[in-house]
N, C-alpha and C. Protein backbone atom coordinates (compact mmCIF):
# COMPACT_ATOMS: atom_id res chain seq x y z
N UNK A 1 8.55 22.83 3.62
CA UNK A 1 8.17 21.53 3.95
C UNK A 1 6.70 21.33 3.84
N UNK A 2 6.19 20.32 3.22
CA UNK A 2 4.77 20.13 3.14
C UNK A 2 4.42 18.72 3.62
N UNK A 3 3.50 18.53 4.46
CA UNK A 3 3.05 17.18 5.00
C UNK A 3 1.65 16.88 4.41
N UNK A 4 1.60 15.75 3.64
CA UNK A 4 0.33 15.24 3.17
C UNK A 4 -0.05 13.92 3.82
N UNK A 5 -1.21 13.42 3.48
CA UNK A 5 -1.64 12.13 4.11
C UNK A 5 -0.69 10.97 3.65
N UNK A 6 -0.21 11.11 2.47
CA UNK A 6 0.48 10.03 1.76
C UNK A 6 2.02 10.33 1.60
N UNK A 7 2.48 11.53 1.96
CA UNK A 7 3.86 11.80 1.79
C UNK A 7 4.32 13.11 2.53
N UNK A 8 5.60 13.23 2.66
CA UNK A 8 6.26 14.44 3.14
C UNK A 8 7.14 14.87 1.99
N UNK A 9 6.97 16.22 1.71
CA UNK A 9 7.69 16.84 0.57
C UNK A 9 8.52 18.03 1.04
N UNK A 10 9.81 17.98 0.68
CA UNK A 10 10.71 19.07 1.13
C UNK A 10 11.16 19.80 -0.20
N UNK A 11 11.03 21.06 -0.19
CA UNK A 11 11.38 21.80 -1.37
C UNK A 11 12.45 22.82 -1.03
N UNK A 12 13.49 22.91 -1.83
CA UNK A 12 14.60 23.80 -1.59
C UNK A 12 14.56 24.89 -2.79
N UNK A 13 14.35 26.06 -2.57
CA UNK A 13 14.31 27.07 -3.65
C UNK A 13 15.74 27.21 -4.33
N UNK A 14 15.68 27.42 -5.58
CA UNK A 14 16.93 27.55 -6.34
C UNK A 14 17.35 26.27 -7.12
N UNK A 15 18.02 26.49 -8.11
CA UNK A 15 18.49 25.36 -8.90
C UNK A 15 19.72 24.69 -8.25
N UNK A 16 19.95 23.46 -8.89
CA UNK A 16 21.18 22.81 -8.42
C UNK A 16 22.30 23.61 -9.11
N UNK A 17 23.44 23.51 -8.60
CA UNK A 17 24.57 24.12 -9.24
C UNK A 17 24.92 23.50 -10.50
N UNK A 18 25.36 24.30 -11.53
CA UNK A 18 25.64 23.72 -12.82
C UNK A 18 26.69 22.54 -12.84
N UNK A 19 27.50 22.59 -11.82
CA UNK A 19 28.56 21.45 -11.79
C UNK A 19 27.95 20.13 -11.33
N UNK A 20 26.62 20.04 -10.82
CA UNK A 20 26.03 18.95 -10.37
C UNK A 20 25.12 18.40 -11.45
N UNK A 21 25.31 17.11 -11.77
CA UNK A 21 24.54 16.43 -12.74
C UNK A 21 23.32 15.76 -11.99
N UNK A 22 22.09 16.10 -12.35
CA UNK A 22 20.87 15.66 -11.71
C UNK A 22 20.81 14.15 -11.85
N UNK A 23 21.09 13.56 -12.95
CA UNK A 23 20.98 12.19 -13.18
C UNK A 23 22.02 11.30 -12.46
N UNK A 24 22.97 11.96 -11.83
CA UNK A 24 24.06 11.28 -11.02
C UNK A 24 24.12 11.68 -9.61
N UNK A 25 22.94 12.07 -9.03
CA UNK A 25 22.85 12.48 -7.60
C UNK A 25 23.32 11.43 -6.59
N UNK A 26 23.06 10.15 -6.96
CA UNK A 26 23.47 9.13 -5.99
C UNK A 26 24.99 8.88 -5.97
N UNK A 27 25.65 9.49 -6.98
CA UNK A 27 27.09 9.33 -7.08
C UNK A 27 27.94 10.23 -6.06
N UNK A 28 27.16 10.87 -5.09
CA UNK A 28 27.80 11.61 -4.11
C UNK A 28 28.64 12.74 -4.63
N UNK A 29 28.02 13.52 -5.72
CA UNK A 29 28.55 14.74 -6.20
C UNK A 29 28.43 15.85 -5.18
N UNK A 30 29.30 16.85 -5.25
CA UNK A 30 29.18 17.89 -4.27
C UNK A 30 29.76 19.11 -4.77
N UNK A 31 29.16 20.30 -4.50
CA UNK A 31 29.70 21.49 -4.81
C UNK A 31 29.12 22.45 -3.71
N UNK A 32 29.93 23.37 -3.10
CA UNK A 32 29.49 24.26 -2.06
C UNK A 32 28.88 25.45 -2.53
N UNK A 33 27.62 25.75 -2.15
CA UNK A 33 26.92 26.93 -2.53
C UNK A 33 27.30 28.10 -1.65
N UNK A 34 27.41 27.79 -0.29
CA UNK A 34 27.80 28.79 0.63
C UNK A 34 29.02 28.40 1.31
N UNK A 35 30.10 28.95 0.92
CA UNK A 35 31.47 28.53 1.33
C UNK A 35 31.79 28.98 2.79
N UNK A 36 30.99 29.74 3.45
CA UNK A 36 31.06 30.05 4.89
C UNK A 36 30.41 29.07 5.73
N UNK A 37 29.09 28.74 5.40
CA UNK A 37 28.29 27.85 6.24
C UNK A 37 28.76 26.42 6.06
N UNK A 38 29.09 25.86 4.89
CA UNK A 38 29.38 24.46 4.72
C UNK A 38 30.48 24.05 5.58
N UNK A 39 31.62 24.72 5.68
CA UNK A 39 32.76 24.21 6.53
C UNK A 39 32.31 24.29 8.03
N UNK A 40 31.50 25.32 8.45
CA UNK A 40 31.11 25.42 9.82
C UNK A 40 30.22 24.24 10.13
N UNK A 41 29.22 23.88 9.28
CA UNK A 41 28.41 22.65 9.52
C UNK A 41 29.15 21.48 9.69
N UNK A 42 30.30 21.27 8.92
CA UNK A 42 31.17 20.06 8.95
C UNK A 42 31.86 20.07 10.31
N UNK A 43 32.42 21.22 10.72
CA UNK A 43 33.11 21.32 12.03
C UNK A 43 32.23 20.99 13.20
N UNK A 44 31.01 21.38 13.22
CA UNK A 44 30.16 21.19 14.39
C UNK A 44 29.45 19.93 14.26
N UNK A 45 29.66 19.11 13.24
CA UNK A 45 29.12 17.75 13.14
C UNK A 45 27.71 17.62 12.57
N UNK A 46 27.24 18.66 11.98
CA UNK A 46 25.93 18.61 11.36
C UNK A 46 25.90 17.88 9.99
N UNK A 47 27.03 17.80 9.37
CA UNK A 47 27.26 16.92 8.18
C UNK A 47 28.59 16.27 8.27
N UNK A 48 28.63 15.00 7.79
CA UNK A 48 29.86 14.21 7.93
C UNK A 48 30.81 14.43 6.71
N UNK A 49 30.29 14.66 5.60
CA UNK A 49 31.01 14.97 4.44
C UNK A 49 30.08 15.61 3.32
N UNK A 50 30.66 16.31 2.48
CA UNK A 50 29.84 17.01 1.36
C UNK A 50 29.45 15.86 0.34
N UNK A 51 28.20 16.12 -0.13
CA UNK A 51 27.79 15.22 -1.25
C UNK A 51 27.31 13.84 -0.82
N UNK A 52 26.98 13.64 0.39
CA UNK A 52 26.68 12.35 0.94
C UNK A 52 25.21 12.21 1.32
N UNK A 53 24.50 13.33 1.43
CA UNK A 53 23.13 13.36 2.00
C UNK A 53 22.10 12.47 1.31
N UNK A 54 21.93 12.60 -0.01
CA UNK A 54 20.92 11.75 -0.61
C UNK A 54 21.24 10.31 -0.52
N UNK A 55 22.43 9.94 -0.69
CA UNK A 55 22.96 8.57 -0.62
C UNK A 55 22.62 8.08 0.80
N UNK A 56 22.92 8.80 1.90
CA UNK A 56 22.67 8.41 3.22
C UNK A 56 21.21 8.20 3.49
N UNK A 57 20.38 9.12 3.00
CA UNK A 57 18.93 9.00 3.19
C UNK A 57 18.45 7.80 2.51
N UNK A 58 18.86 7.54 1.28
CA UNK A 58 18.46 6.38 0.59
C UNK A 58 18.82 5.09 1.18
N UNK A 59 20.03 5.05 1.78
CA UNK A 59 20.55 3.90 2.55
C UNK A 59 19.72 3.63 3.85
N UNK A 60 19.44 4.68 4.54
CA UNK A 60 18.66 4.59 5.79
C UNK A 60 17.27 4.07 5.50
N UNK A 61 16.66 4.55 4.42
CA UNK A 61 15.28 4.23 4.00
C UNK A 61 15.14 2.72 3.53
N UNK A 62 16.26 2.06 3.33
CA UNK A 62 16.15 0.66 2.97
C UNK A 62 15.45 -0.23 4.14
N UNK A 63 15.56 0.38 5.29
CA UNK A 63 14.99 -0.34 6.57
C UNK A 63 13.46 -0.15 6.49
N UNK A 64 13.03 0.70 5.65
CA UNK A 64 11.56 1.06 5.56
C UNK A 64 11.12 0.94 4.15
N UNK A 65 10.80 -0.35 3.73
CA UNK A 65 10.44 -0.56 2.39
C UNK A 65 8.96 -0.02 2.04
N UNK A 66 8.23 0.44 3.04
CA UNK A 66 6.97 1.00 2.79
C UNK A 66 7.18 2.57 2.34
N UNK A 67 8.31 3.04 2.40
CA UNK A 67 8.63 4.49 2.06
C UNK A 67 9.44 4.45 0.76
N UNK A 68 8.82 5.24 -0.13
CA UNK A 68 9.55 5.45 -1.45
C UNK A 68 10.23 6.87 -1.33
N UNK A 69 11.49 6.86 -1.89
CA UNK A 69 12.17 8.17 -1.75
C UNK A 69 12.43 8.59 -3.29
N UNK A 70 12.00 9.85 -3.51
CA UNK A 70 12.11 10.43 -4.90
C UNK A 70 12.71 11.83 -4.76
N UNK A 71 13.38 12.27 -5.83
CA UNK A 71 13.81 13.64 -5.86
C UNK A 71 13.60 14.19 -7.23
N UNK A 72 13.36 15.50 -7.34
CA UNK A 72 12.99 16.16 -8.60
C UNK A 72 13.66 17.52 -8.71
N UNK A 73 13.89 18.09 -9.72
CA UNK A 73 14.25 19.42 -10.07
C UNK A 73 12.96 19.93 -10.80
N UNK A 74 12.35 20.92 -10.15
CA UNK A 74 11.12 21.38 -10.62
C UNK A 74 11.21 22.77 -11.38
N UNK A 75 11.15 22.67 -12.65
CA UNK A 75 11.17 23.76 -13.52
C UNK A 75 12.45 24.60 -13.46
N UNK A 76 13.44 23.97 -12.98
CA UNK A 76 14.74 24.69 -12.94
C UNK A 76 14.81 25.69 -11.81
N UNK A 77 13.71 25.81 -11.00
CA UNK A 77 13.66 26.72 -9.97
C UNK A 77 13.67 26.30 -8.62
N UNK A 78 13.57 24.94 -8.44
CA UNK A 78 13.67 24.37 -7.11
C UNK A 78 13.97 22.95 -7.19
N UNK A 79 14.51 22.41 -6.12
CA UNK A 79 14.94 21.04 -5.91
C UNK A 79 14.01 20.45 -4.78
N UNK A 80 13.43 19.27 -4.98
CA UNK A 80 12.41 18.76 -4.24
C UNK A 80 12.67 17.27 -3.88
N UNK A 81 12.54 16.87 -2.61
CA UNK A 81 12.55 15.43 -2.29
C UNK A 81 11.21 15.14 -1.68
N UNK A 82 10.85 13.81 -1.93
CA UNK A 82 9.51 13.38 -1.48
C UNK A 82 9.74 11.94 -0.77
N UNK A 83 9.09 11.81 0.38
CA UNK A 83 9.10 10.54 1.09
C UNK A 83 7.58 9.97 1.04
N UNK A 84 7.41 9.08 0.10
CA UNK A 84 6.04 8.57 -0.08
C UNK A 84 5.71 7.30 0.64
N UNK A 85 4.54 7.30 1.31
CA UNK A 85 4.10 6.18 2.07
C UNK A 85 3.29 5.30 1.08
N UNK A 86 3.94 4.26 0.60
CA UNK A 86 3.31 3.34 -0.37
C UNK A 86 2.14 2.53 0.29
N UNK A 87 2.13 2.30 1.53
CA UNK A 87 1.12 1.59 2.20
C UNK A 87 -0.19 2.41 2.17
N UNK A 88 -0.02 3.79 2.46
CA UNK A 88 -1.11 4.62 2.49
C UNK A 88 -1.86 4.63 0.99
N UNK A 89 -1.03 4.68 0.04
CA UNK A 89 -1.54 4.69 -1.37
C UNK A 89 -2.29 3.39 -1.65
N UNK A 90 -1.67 2.26 -1.28
CA UNK A 90 -2.34 0.90 -1.44
C UNK A 90 -3.66 0.80 -0.58
N UNK A 91 -3.66 1.41 0.58
CA UNK A 91 -4.79 1.42 1.43
C UNK A 91 -5.93 2.28 0.71
N UNK A 92 -5.55 3.39 0.18
CA UNK A 92 -6.53 4.26 -0.62
C UNK A 92 -7.10 3.50 -1.74
N UNK A 93 -6.25 2.83 -2.54
CA UNK A 93 -6.81 2.01 -3.70
C UNK A 93 -7.63 0.93 -3.28
N UNK A 94 -7.31 0.23 -2.10
CA UNK A 94 -8.26 -0.81 -1.59
C UNK A 94 -9.55 -0.18 -1.20
N UNK A 95 -9.59 0.99 -0.47
CA UNK A 95 -10.83 1.69 -0.09
C UNK A 95 -11.68 2.00 -1.34
N UNK A 96 -11.00 2.34 -2.47
CA UNK A 96 -11.72 2.67 -3.59
C UNK A 96 -12.48 1.52 -4.30
N UNK A 97 -11.61 0.32 -4.35
CA UNK A 97 -12.16 -0.85 -4.67
C UNK A 97 -13.37 -1.42 -3.98
N UNK A 98 -13.17 -1.28 -2.58
CA UNK A 98 -14.38 -1.67 -1.67
C UNK A 98 -15.57 -0.80 -1.91
N UNK A 99 -15.39 0.54 -2.17
CA UNK A 99 -16.49 1.38 -2.47
C UNK A 99 -17.23 1.04 -3.72
N UNK A 100 -16.45 0.54 -4.80
CA UNK A 100 -17.05 0.15 -6.07
C UNK A 100 -17.87 -1.12 -5.83
N UNK A 101 -17.29 -2.06 -5.07
CA UNK A 101 -17.98 -3.34 -4.83
C UNK A 101 -19.21 -3.06 -4.00
N UNK A 102 -19.08 -2.19 -3.04
CA UNK A 102 -20.21 -1.83 -2.22
C UNK A 102 -21.42 -1.23 -3.05
N UNK A 103 -21.03 -0.34 -3.94
CA UNK A 103 -22.01 0.28 -4.79
C UNK A 103 -22.85 -0.80 -5.58
N UNK A 104 -22.05 -1.75 -6.15
CA UNK A 104 -22.66 -2.83 -6.93
C UNK A 104 -23.60 -3.66 -5.95
N UNK A 105 -23.20 -3.91 -4.82
CA UNK A 105 -23.87 -4.78 -3.91
C UNK A 105 -25.14 -4.09 -3.42
N UNK A 106 -25.15 -2.76 -3.19
CA UNK A 106 -26.25 -2.01 -2.75
C UNK A 106 -27.30 -1.98 -3.80
N UNK A 107 -26.89 -1.88 -5.11
CA UNK A 107 -27.90 -1.79 -6.25
C UNK A 107 -28.48 -3.17 -6.58
N UNK A 108 -27.66 -4.19 -6.29
CA UNK A 108 -28.10 -5.52 -6.70
C UNK A 108 -27.59 -6.56 -5.72
N UNK A 109 -28.25 -6.73 -4.43
CA UNK A 109 -27.74 -7.67 -3.49
C UNK A 109 -27.81 -9.02 -4.12
N UNK A 110 -26.71 -9.82 -3.94
CA UNK A 110 -26.52 -11.07 -4.53
C UNK A 110 -26.10 -12.19 -3.67
N UNK A 111 -25.89 -13.42 -4.27
CA UNK A 111 -25.46 -14.51 -3.43
C UNK A 111 -24.07 -14.30 -2.91
N UNK A 112 -23.36 -13.28 -3.52
CA UNK A 112 -21.99 -12.88 -3.09
C UNK A 112 -22.01 -12.44 -1.65
N UNK A 113 -22.99 -11.46 -1.30
CA UNK A 113 -23.10 -11.01 0.03
C UNK A 113 -23.65 -11.99 0.98
N UNK A 114 -24.57 -12.82 0.51
CA UNK A 114 -25.15 -13.93 1.35
C UNK A 114 -24.11 -14.82 1.81
N UNK A 115 -23.22 -15.30 0.88
CA UNK A 115 -22.11 -16.21 1.22
C UNK A 115 -21.20 -15.57 2.20
N UNK A 116 -20.90 -14.26 1.96
CA UNK A 116 -19.99 -13.57 2.86
C UNK A 116 -20.57 -13.46 4.26
N UNK A 117 -21.81 -13.19 4.40
CA UNK A 117 -22.45 -13.14 5.71
C UNK A 117 -22.45 -14.46 6.34
N UNK A 118 -22.61 -15.58 5.67
CA UNK A 118 -22.62 -16.92 6.24
C UNK A 118 -21.16 -17.14 6.86
N UNK A 119 -20.18 -16.79 6.03
CA UNK A 119 -18.80 -17.07 6.51
C UNK A 119 -18.43 -16.07 7.64
N UNK A 120 -19.04 -14.95 7.67
CA UNK A 120 -18.69 -14.03 8.74
C UNK A 120 -19.06 -14.48 10.12
N UNK A 121 -20.14 -15.35 10.22
CA UNK A 121 -20.55 -15.87 11.48
C UNK A 121 -19.54 -16.76 12.07
N UNK A 122 -18.98 -17.72 11.27
CA UNK A 122 -17.92 -18.65 11.69
C UNK A 122 -17.41 -19.29 10.45
N UNK A 123 -16.30 -19.88 10.45
CA UNK A 123 -15.65 -20.54 9.33
C UNK A 123 -16.49 -21.77 8.87
N UNK A 124 -16.60 -21.98 7.52
CA UNK A 124 -17.50 -23.04 6.99
C UNK A 124 -16.77 -23.70 5.83
N UNK A 125 -17.09 -24.88 5.61
CA UNK A 125 -16.59 -25.61 4.46
C UNK A 125 -17.60 -25.35 3.30
N UNK A 126 -17.20 -25.74 2.12
CA UNK A 126 -18.16 -25.52 0.93
C UNK A 126 -19.48 -26.21 1.15
N UNK A 127 -19.36 -27.36 1.70
CA UNK A 127 -20.60 -28.10 1.89
C UNK A 127 -21.53 -27.43 2.98
N UNK A 128 -20.90 -26.93 4.06
CA UNK A 128 -21.70 -26.15 5.02
C UNK A 128 -22.23 -24.90 4.48
N UNK A 129 -21.66 -24.21 3.61
CA UNK A 129 -22.12 -23.02 3.02
C UNK A 129 -23.36 -23.34 2.17
N UNK A 130 -23.23 -24.51 1.33
CA UNK A 130 -24.26 -24.99 0.54
C UNK A 130 -25.49 -25.32 1.38
N UNK A 131 -25.41 -25.91 2.51
CA UNK A 131 -26.44 -26.32 3.32
C UNK A 131 -27.04 -25.05 3.91
N UNK A 132 -26.27 -24.11 4.30
CA UNK A 132 -26.80 -22.84 4.91
C UNK A 132 -27.59 -22.08 3.87
N UNK A 133 -27.27 -22.29 2.51
CA UNK A 133 -28.06 -21.65 1.54
C UNK A 133 -29.29 -22.42 1.08
N UNK A 134 -29.43 -23.61 1.79
CA UNK A 134 -30.59 -24.54 1.47
C UNK A 134 -30.43 -25.07 0.12
N UNK A 135 -29.19 -25.38 -0.30
CA UNK A 135 -28.99 -26.02 -1.62
C UNK A 135 -28.82 -27.50 -1.39
N UNK A 136 -29.24 -28.32 -2.36
CA UNK A 136 -29.05 -29.75 -2.23
C UNK A 136 -27.70 -30.27 -2.43
N UNK A 137 -26.89 -29.50 -3.27
CA UNK A 137 -25.54 -29.87 -3.41
C UNK A 137 -24.68 -28.59 -3.67
N UNK A 138 -23.46 -28.78 -3.79
CA UNK A 138 -22.49 -27.60 -4.03
C UNK A 138 -22.61 -27.23 -5.54
N UNK A 139 -23.22 -26.11 -5.79
CA UNK A 139 -23.42 -25.74 -7.24
C UNK A 139 -22.25 -25.11 -7.82
N UNK A 140 -22.24 -24.99 -9.23
CA UNK A 140 -21.10 -24.32 -9.86
C UNK A 140 -21.19 -22.88 -9.60
N UNK A 141 -22.36 -22.35 -9.46
CA UNK A 141 -22.46 -20.95 -9.08
C UNK A 141 -21.85 -20.68 -7.73
N UNK A 142 -22.09 -21.55 -6.76
CA UNK A 142 -21.51 -21.33 -5.47
C UNK A 142 -19.99 -21.39 -5.51
N UNK A 143 -19.44 -22.31 -6.19
CA UNK A 143 -17.99 -22.31 -6.41
C UNK A 143 -17.40 -21.08 -7.09
N UNK A 144 -18.21 -20.48 -8.08
CA UNK A 144 -17.85 -19.31 -8.67
C UNK A 144 -17.85 -18.15 -7.72
N UNK A 145 -18.82 -17.97 -6.85
CA UNK A 145 -18.97 -17.07 -5.79
C UNK A 145 -17.79 -17.11 -4.80
N UNK A 146 -17.56 -18.30 -4.34
CA UNK A 146 -16.45 -18.54 -3.41
C UNK A 146 -15.09 -18.15 -3.99
N UNK A 147 -14.87 -18.51 -5.22
CA UNK A 147 -13.65 -18.14 -5.93
C UNK A 147 -13.56 -16.62 -6.03
N UNK A 148 -14.66 -15.96 -6.37
CA UNK A 148 -14.64 -14.56 -6.51
C UNK A 148 -14.43 -13.74 -5.11
N UNK A 149 -14.99 -14.36 -4.02
CA UNK A 149 -14.71 -13.86 -2.66
C UNK A 149 -13.31 -13.89 -2.32
N UNK A 150 -12.75 -15.08 -2.68
CA UNK A 150 -11.32 -15.30 -2.41
C UNK A 150 -10.41 -14.33 -3.29
N UNK A 151 -10.72 -14.19 -4.55
CA UNK A 151 -9.97 -13.29 -5.43
C UNK A 151 -10.06 -11.90 -4.90
N UNK A 152 -11.12 -11.47 -4.48
CA UNK A 152 -11.39 -10.07 -3.94
C UNK A 152 -10.76 -9.90 -2.62
N UNK A 153 -10.31 -10.96 -1.88
CA UNK A 153 -9.57 -10.80 -0.70
C UNK A 153 -10.63 -10.69 0.51
N UNK A 154 -11.81 -11.10 0.27
CA UNK A 154 -12.85 -10.94 1.35
C UNK A 154 -12.89 -12.19 2.22
N UNK A 155 -12.47 -13.38 1.69
CA UNK A 155 -12.40 -14.59 2.42
C UNK A 155 -11.04 -15.25 2.14
N UNK A 156 -10.65 -16.19 3.07
CA UNK A 156 -9.44 -16.96 2.80
C UNK A 156 -9.59 -18.34 3.39
N UNK A 157 -8.70 -19.26 2.92
CA UNK A 157 -8.71 -20.63 3.51
C UNK A 157 -8.22 -20.58 5.00
N UNK A 158 -8.72 -21.61 5.79
CA UNK A 158 -8.23 -21.78 7.19
C UNK A 158 -7.01 -22.54 7.17
N UNK A 159 -6.71 -23.29 6.12
CA UNK A 159 -5.53 -24.05 6.08
C UNK A 159 -4.87 -23.79 4.69
N UNK A 160 -4.34 -22.49 4.56
CA UNK A 160 -3.75 -22.13 3.25
C UNK A 160 -2.63 -22.96 2.68
N UNK A 161 -1.86 -23.62 3.61
CA UNK A 161 -0.78 -24.47 3.04
C UNK A 161 -1.23 -25.89 2.50
N UNK A 162 -2.44 -26.20 2.67
CA UNK A 162 -3.04 -27.47 2.11
C UNK A 162 -4.46 -27.15 1.57
N UNK A 163 -4.43 -26.51 0.41
CA UNK A 163 -5.77 -26.04 -0.13
C UNK A 163 -6.78 -27.18 -0.36
N UNK A 164 -6.34 -28.37 -0.65
CA UNK A 164 -7.24 -29.47 -0.94
C UNK A 164 -7.54 -30.35 0.29
N UNK A 165 -7.25 -29.85 1.47
CA UNK A 165 -7.38 -30.58 2.63
C UNK A 165 -8.93 -30.94 2.80
N UNK A 166 -9.29 -32.08 3.40
CA UNK A 166 -10.59 -32.49 3.67
C UNK A 166 -11.20 -31.61 4.77
N UNK A 167 -10.39 -31.03 5.58
CA UNK A 167 -10.82 -30.16 6.66
C UNK A 167 -10.82 -28.67 6.25
N UNK A 168 -10.58 -28.34 4.99
CA UNK A 168 -10.49 -27.02 4.58
C UNK A 168 -11.85 -26.30 4.78
N UNK A 169 -11.66 -25.06 5.33
CA UNK A 169 -12.79 -24.24 5.52
C UNK A 169 -12.50 -22.75 5.02
N UNK A 170 -13.41 -21.94 5.01
CA UNK A 170 -13.24 -20.58 4.60
C UNK A 170 -13.62 -19.59 5.77
N UNK A 171 -12.74 -18.55 5.94
CA UNK A 171 -13.05 -17.63 7.02
C UNK A 171 -12.90 -16.25 6.39
N UNK A 172 -13.52 -15.27 6.98
CA UNK A 172 -13.71 -13.95 6.58
C UNK A 172 -12.30 -13.22 6.83
N UNK A 173 -11.88 -12.28 5.99
CA UNK A 173 -10.70 -11.44 6.23
C UNK A 173 -11.03 -10.12 6.77
N UNK A 174 -10.00 -9.38 7.15
CA UNK A 174 -10.23 -8.08 7.65
C UNK A 174 -10.97 -7.25 6.60
N UNK A 175 -10.56 -7.53 5.35
CA UNK A 175 -11.13 -6.71 4.23
C UNK A 175 -12.62 -7.05 4.08
N UNK A 176 -12.94 -8.40 4.34
CA UNK A 176 -14.32 -8.84 4.22
C UNK A 176 -15.13 -8.20 5.28
N UNK A 177 -14.57 -8.12 6.48
CA UNK A 177 -15.36 -7.48 7.71
C UNK A 177 -15.57 -6.08 7.30
N UNK A 178 -14.58 -5.25 6.71
CA UNK A 178 -14.74 -3.94 6.37
C UNK A 178 -15.84 -3.85 5.36
N UNK A 179 -15.87 -4.65 4.35
CA UNK A 179 -16.83 -4.70 3.28
C UNK A 179 -18.24 -4.92 3.92
N UNK A 180 -18.40 -5.77 4.86
CA UNK A 180 -19.78 -5.95 5.54
C UNK A 180 -20.17 -4.72 6.33
N UNK A 181 -19.20 -4.09 6.99
CA UNK A 181 -19.55 -2.91 7.73
C UNK A 181 -19.98 -1.76 6.75
N UNK A 182 -19.47 -1.73 5.61
CA UNK A 182 -19.88 -0.76 4.61
C UNK A 182 -21.30 -1.05 4.14
N UNK A 183 -21.70 -2.29 4.15
CA UNK A 183 -23.04 -2.59 3.59
C UNK A 183 -24.09 -2.27 4.55
N UNK A 184 -23.83 -2.19 5.79
CA UNK A 184 -24.71 -1.90 6.91
C UNK A 184 -25.31 -0.52 6.72
């Protein structure tokens, strides 16, 4: 058994028996490798029936959509199952994206980070952001920056169900807060 940040991997040495078709493992195939231990396991209740294990595991994991279940035959010498945490992988990808954005921002501070800092203080409308930037009106550039911040998941609407509301404002997201902390 190996435990990684993003998954648990269990490896069983030896090949699957020739009577078991790897492509049909979910079909509850079964063949006993150890004819002494298997009936004993069944009698003491460690297994409910032969050939049911992978199907039971897959069924139980439906309650955990963030876990992906995979199995492999590795080089014909071992059988392996993996329980992969998809949220961890997504979190790592998000962290990499933030690092790239951070690198860009450190080399060339822009209106992007200025607008984000304004919204970090409190929620603001487009007009309020424009005033805080000492602009006479809402510029096309400001709209582009706000759209980019939304697309990057750093800000969000305060009234998402009514995007064109006259009371619409923008607030910083958890990702936006993390991004600002990285800039410090």
